Amino acid sequence: MSDTGSGGGDGFEPGDTSVRHPETSMNTLYPYNAPMWQTESGHQVEFDNTPGAERIRVAHKSGSYHEIRFDGNHVQMTAGHHHQYVKGGHTHTADQSHDEKHGGHHRENKGGDHHTEMGGDQYHTVKGDHISGITGSHTHMVGGSHYGKIGGNKTSKTDGDTNHKTMGNSTHNTGKDSLTTTKGSHTTKTGKDYTNSSQGDTTQNSEGKHTVAANGDVSSSSKNGTHTTNAKSSITKNAQSFNVNAKSNLNEQTNIQQGLNVLSGGFSVNI
């Protein structure tokens, strides 16, 4: 026989994924390797009864073979392509680790449902692009925390409605500019206080009406910059009273329906 083994084990253990193709466990002593048959073309069938190295080996002249080792391990080598067809069901059970490696492309085609269940962690690494296409609905549920990081740009498009619900706090941080465009109406509702803070200038533009309504107080302040309200037609303010404070000059023209308390440059004027 033309085995490449050194004759005496190769350190292969069940579930050992470091050995992709274990060498033969041949450690034959004459006459324990009888009976053995070899055909004219080179096919071999061997029943080795060497104590401590018992094995059965069926080999094809091309190099493909089956070998059952002394410890019960089964090694199958296919020199060419391997085709397996099962007309009925197929059950594959491994009580220990399972390792699978493909040197080329890998394709799976399932005519029915696909169910994957993990008892521990799952690691999914893609060195190239990852494309996922779903013709139906997509449900993603996480029982613990969810962390996502994108090294490049992110684009998200929803043809229908979008509903975001956060039972706890929500924080959005933008390192640079932020632009929100709404072709229709835009409504922001809060059950408690609402704070909009900007270290630089803040600009609000509306081609239609701009309404701010509150059951409680409404406060607008600028610590370092200028607070400007511009309107092409009129500005209407309705309240029992208004308090307008300015550290320097105050320029305001408005129609007063109730009382207006203007504090400018340290002087108080009631209108």
Protein backbone atom coordinates (compact mmCIF):
# COMPACT_ATOMS: atom_id res chain seq x y z
CA MET A 1 0.00 0.00 0.00
CA SER A 2 1.12 3.55 -0.73
CA ASP A 3 -0.03 5.39 2.41
CA THR A 4 1.68 8.66 3.35
CA GLY A 5 1.43 8.10 7.11
CA SER A 6 4.42 7.74 9.35
CA GLY A 7 2.83 4.70 10.94
CA GLY A 8 1.44 5.48 14.33
CA GLY A 9 -1.22 8.11 14.86
CA ASP A 10 -1.23 11.82 13.99
CA GLY A 11 -2.64 13.41 17.13
CA PHE A 12 -6.16 13.53 15.72
CA GLU A 13 -8.89 13.78 18.34
CA PRO A 14 -12.69 13.83 17.90
CA GLY A 15 -13.84 17.37 17.22
CA ASP A 16 -10.30 18.56 16.47
CA THR A 17 -10.78 21.25 13.79
CA SER A 18 -7.06 21.97 13.40
CA VAL A 19 -6.55 18.81 11.32
CA ARG A 20 -8.47 19.16 8.06
CA HIS A 21 -7.15 15.95 6.54
CA PRO A 22 -5.75 13.50 9.11
CA GLU A 23 -3.09 11.13 7.88
CA THR A 24 -3.66 7.41 7.94
CA SER A 25 -3.40 5.56 11.24
CA MET A 26 -1.67 2.58 9.63
CA ASN A 27 0.70 0.80 12.02
CA THR A 28 0.56 -2.66 10.51
CA LEU A 29 2.40 -5.74 11.79
CA TYR A 30 2.60 -8.88 9.68
CA PRO A 31 0.65 -11.15 9.55
CA TYR A 32 -2.15 -9.20 11.28
CA ASN A 33 -2.87 -7.18 8.12
CA ALA A 34 -4.37 -10.18 6.34
CA PRO A 35 -6.69 -10.47 4.56
CA MET A 36 -5.93 -7.66 2.09
CA TRP A 37 -7.00 -7.41 -1.53
CA GLN A 38 -5.69 -5.27 -4.32
CA THR A 39 -7.12 -5.35 -7.84
CA GLU A 40 -5.18 -5.09 -11.08
CA SER A 41 -6.09 -1.41 -11.47
CA GLY A 42 -5.01 -0.52 -7.92
CA HIS A 43 -8.19 -0.63 -5.80
CA GLN A 44 -7.58 -1.86 -2.24
CA VAL A 45 -9.59 -3.43 0.56
CA GLU A 46 -7.79 -4.00 3.85
CA PHE A 47 -8.77 -5.50 7.18
CA ASP A 48 -5.95 -4.78 9.63
CA ASN A 49 -6.01 -6.75 12.90
CA THR A 50 -2.77 -5.41 14.37
CA PRO A 51 -3.32 -5.18 18.17
CA GLY A 52 -3.92 -1.55 19.14
CA ALA A 53 -4.02 -0.40 15.49
CA GLU A 54 -7.04 -2.25 14.12
CA ARG A 55 -8.59 -0.55 11.11
CA ILE A 56 -10.64 -1.09 7.97
CA ARG A 57 -9.74 0.71 4.76
CA VAL A 58 -11.40 0.76 1.33
CA ALA A 59 -9.40 2.76 -1.23
CA HIS A 60 -9.89 3.71 -4.87
CA LYS A 61 -6.91 3.92 -7.23
CA SER A 62 -7.59 7.69 -7.65
CA GLY A 63 -6.78 8.30 -3.99
CA SER A 64 -10.32 8.43 -2.61
CA TYR A 65 -10.79 6.18 0.42
CA HIS A 66 -12.76 5.32 3.56
CA GLU A 67 -10.87 4.42 6.70
CA ILE A 68 -12.25 3.33 10.07
CA ARG A 69 -9.54 3.61 12.69
CA PHE A 70 -8.69 1.62 15.79
CA ASP A 71 -10.46 4.23 17.99
CA GLY A 72 -13.66 4.26 15.88
CA ASN A 73 -12.87 7.50 14.06
CA HIS A 74 -13.98 7.55 10.44
CA VAL A 75 -11.96 9.39 7.80
CA GLN A 76 -13.30 9.90 4.28
CA MET A 77 -11.16 11.32 1.50
CA THR A 78 -12.57 12.24 -1.93
CA ALA A 79 -10.01 12.99 -4.62
CA GLY A 80 -12.61 14.52 -6.94
CA HIS A 81 -16.09 15.97 -6.50
CA HIS A 82 -18.44 14.60 -3.85
CA HIS A 83 -22.15 14.24 -4.63
CA GLN A 84 -24.76 13.13 -2.12
CA TYR A 85 -28.43 12.76 -2.96
CA VAL A 86 -31.10 11.78 -0.44
CA LYS A 87 -34.66 11.21 -1.62
CA GLY A 88 -36.03 11.14 1.91
CA GLY A 89 -35.15 13.16 4.98
CA HIS A 90 -31.61 13.77 6.21
CA THR A 91 -30.64 13.94 9.88
CA HIS A 92 -27.14 14.99 10.91
CA THR A 93 -26.20 14.89 14.60
CA ALA A 94 -22.85 15.79 16.13
CA ASP A 95 -22.58 15.54 19.92
CA GLN A 96 -19.37 17.57 19.90
CA SER A 97 -17.97 20.43 17.83
CA HIS A 98 -18.78 20.77 14.14
CA ASP A 99 -16.43 22.56 11.78
CA GLU A 100 -17.06 23.29 8.10
CA LYS A 101 -14.72 24.98 5.62
CA HIS A 102 -15.25 25.88 1.96
CA GLY A 103 -12.38 27.00 -0.22
CA GLY A 104 -14.76 28.38 -2.85
CA HIS A 105 -18.36 29.52 -3.05
CA HIS A 106 -21.07 28.16 -0.77
CA ARG A 107 -24.73 28.12 -1.76
CA GLU A 108 -27.79 26.82 0.10
CA ASN A 109 -31.23 26.49 -1.44
CA LYS A 110 -34.12 25.61 0.85
CA GLY A 111 -37.64 25.10 -0.43
CA GLY A 112 -39.20 25.47 3.03
CA ASP A 113 -38.56 27.29 6.28
CA HIS A 114 -35.11 27.69 7.83
CA HIS A 115 -34.75 27.58 11.61
CA THR A 116 -31.44 28.20 13.41
CA GLU A 117 -31.16 27.94 17.18
CA MET A 118 -28.00 28.76 19.16
CA GLY A 119 -27.41 27.66 22.74
CA GLY A 120 -24.49 30.08 23.09
CA ASP A 121 -23.01 33.06 21.28
CA GLN A 122 -23.00 33.59 17.51
CA TYR A 123 -20.25 35.35 15.56
CA HIS A 124 -20.83 36.39 11.97
CA THR A 125 -17.90 37.88 10.02
CA VAL A 126 -18.08 39.05 6.40
CA LYS A 127 -14.87 40.39 4.84
CA GLY A 128 -16.70 41.64 1.75
CA ASP A 129 -20.16 43.11 1.17
CA HIS A 130 -23.25 41.76 2.94
CA ILE A 131 -26.54 41.87 1.06
CA SER A 132 -29.78 40.61 2.58
CA GLY A 133 -33.02 40.56 0.58
CA ILE A 134 -36.38 39.88 2.24
CA THR A 135 -39.59 39.90 0.22
CA GLY A 136 -41.79 39.66 3.31
CA SER A 137 -41.69 41.25 6.76
CA HIS A 138 -38.59 41.47 8.97
CA THR A 139 -38.74 41.19 12.76
CA HIS A 140 -35.64 41.81 14.85
CA MET A 141 -35.85 41.21 18.62
CA VAL A 142 -33.02 41.72 21.12
CA GLY A 143 -33.50 40.78 24.77
CA GLY A 144 -30.43 42.72 25.94
CA SER A 145 -28.52 45.74 24.70
CA HIS A 146 -28.00 46.52 21.02
CA TYR A 147 -24.82 48.16 19.73
CA GLY A 148 -24.21 49.11 16.12
CA LYS A 149 -21.20 50.83 14.53
CA ILE A 150 -20.81 51.96 10.91
CA GLY A 151 -17.43 53.11 9.62
CA GLY A 152 -18.87 54.83 6.55
CA ASN A 153 -22.13 56.46 5.53
CA LYS A 154 -25.60 55.16 6.36
CA THR A 155 -28.70 55.50 4.20
CA SER A 156 -32.13 54.32 5.32
CA LYS A 157 -35.32 54.51 3.25
CA THR A 158 -38.85 53.59 4.29
CA ASP A 159 -41.64 53.70 1.71
CA GLY A 160 -44.32 53.53 4.39
CA ASP A 161 -44.70 54.97 7.89
CA THR A 162 -41.93 54.93 10.51
CA ASN A 163 -42.67 54.58 14.22
CA HIS A 164 -39.91 54.92 16.83
CA LYS A 165 -40.85 54.20 20.44
CA THR A 166 -38.41 54.45 23.33
CA MET A 167 -39.61 53.54 26.83
CA GLY A 168 -36.52 55.08 28.44
CA ASN A 169 -34.35 58.07 27.63
CA SER A 170 -33.33 58.92 24.05
CA THR A 171 -30.14 60.77 23.12
CA HIS A 172 -29.07 61.81 19.63
CA ASN A 173 -25.55 63.20 19.14
CA THR A 174 -24.33 64.67 15.86
CA GLY A 175 -20.67 65.59 15.44
CA LYS A 176 -21.36 67.94 12.53
CA ASP A 177 -24.39 69.51 10.87
CA SER A 178 -27.86 67.99 11.16
CA LEU A 179 -30.64 68.54 8.63
CA THR A 180 -34.24 67.39 9.01
CA THR A 181 -36.57 67.87 6.04
CA THR A 182 -40.30 67.22 6.23
CA LYS A 183 -42.53 67.69 3.17
CA GLY A 184 -45.65 67.44 5.29
CA SER A 185 -46.48 68.45 8.84
CA HIS A 186 -44.01 68.02 11.70
CA THR A 187 -45.23 67.58 15.29
CA THR A 188 -43.16 67.09 18.42
CA LYS A 189 -44.99 66.02 21.60
CA THR A 190 -43.47 65.57 25.03
CA GLY A 191 -45.14 64.52 28.26
CA LYS A 192 -42.71 66.57 30.33
CA ASP A 193 -40.12 69.28 29.76
CA TYR A 194 -38.59 69.83 26.33
CA THR A 195 -35.17 71.47 25.87
CA ASN A 196 -33.57 72.46 22.59
CA SER A 197 -30.02 73.68 23.14
CA SER A 198 -27.51 75.03 20.62
CA GLN A 199 -24.00 76.38 21.28
CA GLY A 200 -24.13 78.29 18.00
CA ASP A 201 -26.84 80.02 16.01
CA THR A 202 -30.30 78.48 15.63
CA THR A 203 -32.48 79.18 12.61
CA GLN A 204 -36.11 78.19 12.08
CA ASN A 205 -37.65 78.84 8.67
CA SER A 206 -41.26 78.22 7.75
CA GLU A 207 -43.00 79.09 4.48
CA GLY A 208 -46.34 78.75 6.26
CA LYS A 209 -47.49 79.37 9.81
CA HIS A 210 -45.21 78.71 12.77
CA THR A 211 -47.08 77.90 15.98
CA VAL A 212 -45.69 77.28 19.45
CA ALA A 213 -48.33 76.17 21.96
CA ALA A 214 -47.84 75.23 25.58
CA ASN A 215 -50.07 74.74 28.61
CA GLY A 216 -47.20 75.95 30.77
CA ASP A 217 -44.30 78.35 30.32
CA VAL A 218 -42.44 78.89 27.04
CA SER A 219 -38.83 80.06 27.37
CA SER A 220 -36.48 81.14 24.60
CA SER A 221 -32.99 82.36 25.47
CA SER A 222 -29.67 83.14 23.85
CA LYS A 223 -26.65 83.45 26.15
CA ASN A 224 -23.98 84.62 23.73
CA GLY A 225 -25.54 85.16 20.33
CA THR A 226 -28.52 86.95 18.82
CA HIS A 227 -32.12 85.81 18.90
CA THR A 228 -33.94 86.95 15.75
CA THR A 229 -37.57 86.46 14.77
CA ASN A 230 -38.47 87.53 11.24
CA ALA A 231 -41.87 87.47 9.56
CA LYS A 232 -42.89 88.81 6.14
CA SER A 233 -46.35 89.81 7.39
CA SER A 234 -47.21 89.88 11.10
CA ILE A 235 -46.25 88.26 14.37
CA THR A 236 -49.01 87.53 16.85
CA LYS A 237 -48.42 86.93 20.55
CA ASN A 238 -51.34 86.24 22.82
CA ALA A 239 -50.86 86.02 26.56
CA GLN A 240 -52.00 87.59 29.84
CA SER A 241 -48.58 89.26 29.98
CA PHE A 242 -45.24 89.22 28.19
CA ASN A 243 -41.77 89.53 29.72
CA VAL A 244 -39.08 90.55 27.23
CA ASN A 245 -35.52 90.89 28.56
CA ALA A 246 -32.51 92.20 26.61
CA LYS A 247 -29.01 93.00 27.91
CA SER A 248 -28.49 95.77 25.35
CA ASN A 249 -30.83 97.29 22.80
CA LEU A 250 -34.34 95.96 22.14
CA ASN A 251 -36.16 96.53 18.87
CA GLU A 252 -39.66 95.07 18.78
CA GLN A 253 -42.80 96.17 17.01
CA THR A 254 -45.98 94.29 17.83
CA ASN A 255 -49.67 94.73 18.55
CA ILE A 256 -50.45 94.53 22.23
CA GLN A 257 -53.73 92.98 23.35
CA GLN A 258 -52.89 92.76 27.04
CA GLY A 259 -49.98 94.04 29.09
CA LEU A 260 -46.36 94.03 27.85
CA ASN A 261 -43.41 94.39 30.22
CA VAL A 262 -40.27 95.43 28.31
CA LEU A 263 -36.92 95.47 30.09
CA SER A 264 -34.11 97.04 28.03
CA GLY A 265 -30.79 98.46 29.19
CA GLY A 266 -31.97 98.43 32.79
CA PHE A 267 -35.17 100.42 32.10
CA SER A 268 -38.63 98.91 32.58
CA VAL A 269 -41.51 100.05 30.41
CA ASN A 270 -45.13 98.91 30.78
CA ILE A 271 -47.28 99.22 27.64
